[in-house]
């Protein structure tokens, strides 16, 4: 009787394990409709995605806000293209000054430096990597 019970418990645990594995695999796969929003990889160098109309409107507003802040002297980014993190979280960007003075940069700018987008002469990604990360 004990052997049957042990075998039944083992079989149930195995079945539960397979079901859990199967669920995790199906969750990890992107749904087909999400894949339709992705464009083909261009030349194997990067991925392009279509922007929704809402995303286009947001991008335009964000770019306008960055331009206005830059004209007022409140947006001095250290990467090209400029970061979005500072504008969306703080309404200004001082990463250019921060990097020039070895004080730090936001997380997006640090990633930009790692990707080779740094725009402050005399600084390298290694310099920026060792600086503090600006946060809110």
Protein backbone atom coordinates (compact mmCIF):
# COMPACT_ATOMS: atom_id res chain seq x y z
CA UNK A 1 0.00 0.00 0.00
CA UNK A 2 2.81 2.38 0.93
CA UNK A 3 4.60 1.59 -2.36
CA UNK A 4 1.47 2.41 -4.38
CA UNK A 5 1.03 5.65 -2.48
CA UNK A 6 4.69 6.60 -3.06
CA UNK A 7 4.38 5.78 -6.76
CA UNK A 8 1.17 7.83 -7.00
CA UNK A 9 2.82 10.81 -5.26
CA UNK A 10 5.88 10.53 -7.54
CA UNK A 11 3.70 10.41 -10.65
CA UNK A 12 1.66 13.41 -9.47
CA UNK A 13 4.80 15.44 -8.77
CA UNK A 14 6.23 14.53 -12.16
CA UNK A 15 2.98 15.55 -13.84
CA UNK A 16 2.93 18.86 -11.94
CA UNK A 17 6.56 19.50 -12.89
CA UNK A 18 5.85 18.90 -16.58
CA UNK A 19 2.77 21.15 -16.41
CA UNK A 20 4.75 23.94 -14.73
CA UNK A 21 7.55 23.64 -17.29
CA UNK A 22 5.03 23.72 -20.15
CA UNK A 23 3.36 26.84 -18.71
CA UNK A 24 6.68 28.63 -18.35
CA UNK A 25 7.63 27.83 -21.95
CA UNK A 26 4.32 29.11 -23.31
CA UNK A 27 4.58 32.34 -21.27
CA UNK A 28 8.11 32.95 -22.53
CA UNK A 29 7.02 32.84 -26.17
CA UNK A 30 5.88 36.15 -27.60
CA UNK A 31 2.32 36.09 -28.95
CA UNK A 32 1.93 36.22 -32.70
CA UNK A 33 0.26 39.64 -32.66
CA UNK A 34 3.27 41.14 -30.88
CA UNK A 35 5.56 39.85 -33.59
CA UNK A 36 3.57 41.67 -36.28
CA UNK A 37 4.72 44.99 -34.77
CA UNK A 38 8.37 44.13 -35.29
CA UNK A 39 10.05 44.91 -38.59
CA UNK A 40 12.73 42.71 -40.11
CA UNK A 41 16.25 42.96 -38.81
CA UNK A 42 18.13 45.22 -41.18
CA UNK A 43 21.39 43.72 -42.33
CA UNK A 44 21.81 41.85 -39.05
CA UNK A 45 22.98 45.05 -37.32
CA UNK A 46 19.87 46.11 -35.42
CA UNK A 47 16.15 45.81 -35.01
CA UNK A 48 13.57 48.27 -36.22
CA UNK A 49 10.09 48.50 -34.77
CA UNK A 50 7.02 50.30 -36.07
CA UNK A 51 5.82 53.11 -33.86
CA UNK A 52 2.16 53.28 -32.99
CA UNK A 53 0.38 56.60 -33.51
CA UNK A 54 0.37 57.11 -29.73
CA UNK A 55 4.11 56.50 -29.56
CA UNK A 56 4.69 58.97 -32.42
CA UNK A 57 2.68 61.64 -30.59
CA UNK A 58 4.60 60.95 -27.36
CA UNK A 59 7.95 61.09 -29.20
CA UNK A 60 7.03 64.44 -30.76
CA UNK A 61 5.99 65.90 -27.38
CA UNK A 62 9.13 64.57 -25.70
CA UNK A 63 11.39 65.98 -28.42
CA UNK A 64 9.63 69.34 -28.20
CA UNK A 65 10.01 69.41 -24.41
CA UNK A 66 13.72 68.59 -24.72
CA UNK A 67 14.21 71.36 -27.30
CA UNK A 68 12.45 73.93 -25.10
CA UNK A 69 14.50 72.86 -22.05
CA UNK A 70 17.73 73.03 -24.09
CA UNK A 71 16.91 76.59 -25.25
CA UNK A 72 16.40 77.54 -21.59
CA UNK A 73 19.75 75.99 -20.67
CA UNK A 74 18.13 73.13 -18.75
CA UNK A 75 18.98 70.22 -21.04
CA UNK A 76 22.65 69.42 -21.53
CA UNK A 77 22.99 65.72 -22.31
CA UNK A 78 26.27 63.82 -22.62
CA UNK A 79 25.23 61.36 -25.37
CA UNK A 80 24.05 61.64 -28.98
CA UNK A 81 21.15 61.12 -29.49
CA UNK A 82 20.20 62.75 -26.21
CA UNK A 83 18.61 60.69 -23.46
CA UNK A 84 14.89 60.62 -22.67
CA UNK A 85 15.22 59.46 -19.05
CA UNK A 86 16.08 62.86 -17.60
CA UNK A 87 13.22 64.68 -19.33
CA UNK A 88 10.63 62.08 -18.39
CA UNK A 89 11.77 61.84 -14.77
CA UNK A 90 13.18 65.28 -13.91
CA UNK A 91 12.21 67.72 -16.66
CA UNK A 92 15.85 68.68 -17.27
CA UNK A 93 19.22 67.05 -17.94
CA UNK A 94 22.57 67.87 -16.39
CA UNK A 95 24.41 64.72 -17.45
CA UNK A 96 26.72 66.70 -19.77
CA UNK A 97 27.93 68.80 -16.83
CA UNK A 98 27.97 65.76 -14.56
CA UNK A 99 30.22 63.76 -16.86
CA UNK A 100 32.48 66.73 -17.60
CA UNK A 101 32.96 67.24 -13.84
CA UNK A 102 33.28 63.48 -13.06
CA UNK A 103 30.12 63.60 -10.95
CA UNK A 104 27.86 61.16 -12.79
CA UNK A 105 25.17 60.55 -15.38
CA UNK A 106 21.69 59.03 -15.53
CA UNK A 107 21.22 55.33 -16.24
CA UNK A 108 20.29 55.91 -19.89
CA UNK A 109 23.38 58.05 -20.48
CA UNK A 110 25.59 55.41 -18.85
CA UNK A 111 24.12 52.86 -21.24
CA UNK A 112 24.69 55.26 -24.13
CA UNK A 113 28.36 55.55 -23.21
CA UNK A 114 28.61 51.75 -23.13
CA UNK A 115 27.09 51.69 -26.65
CA UNK A 116 29.62 54.23 -27.96
CA UNK A 117 27.28 57.25 -27.99
CA UNK A 118 29.29 59.45 -25.63
CA UNK A 119 29.54 63.11 -26.68
CA UNK A 120 31.86 64.69 -24.10
CA UNK A 121 35.40 65.07 -25.39
CA UNK A 122 38.16 63.58 -23.29
CA UNK A 123 35.87 61.06 -21.58
CA UNK A 124 35.59 57.35 -22.23
CA UNK A 125 33.00 54.75 -21.35
CA UNK A 126 35.39 53.50 -18.66
CA UNK A 127 35.44 56.97 -17.09
CA UNK A 128 31.63 57.13 -17.06
CA UNK A 129 31.27 53.52 -15.89
CA UNK A 130 33.09 54.42 -12.67
CA UNK A 131 30.93 57.51 -11.95
CA UNK A 132 27.79 57.61 -9.82
CA UNK A 133 24.40 57.05 -11.42
CA UNK A 134 22.04 59.99 -11.06
CA UNK A 135 18.66 58.98 -9.74
CA UNK A 136 15.46 60.48 -8.45
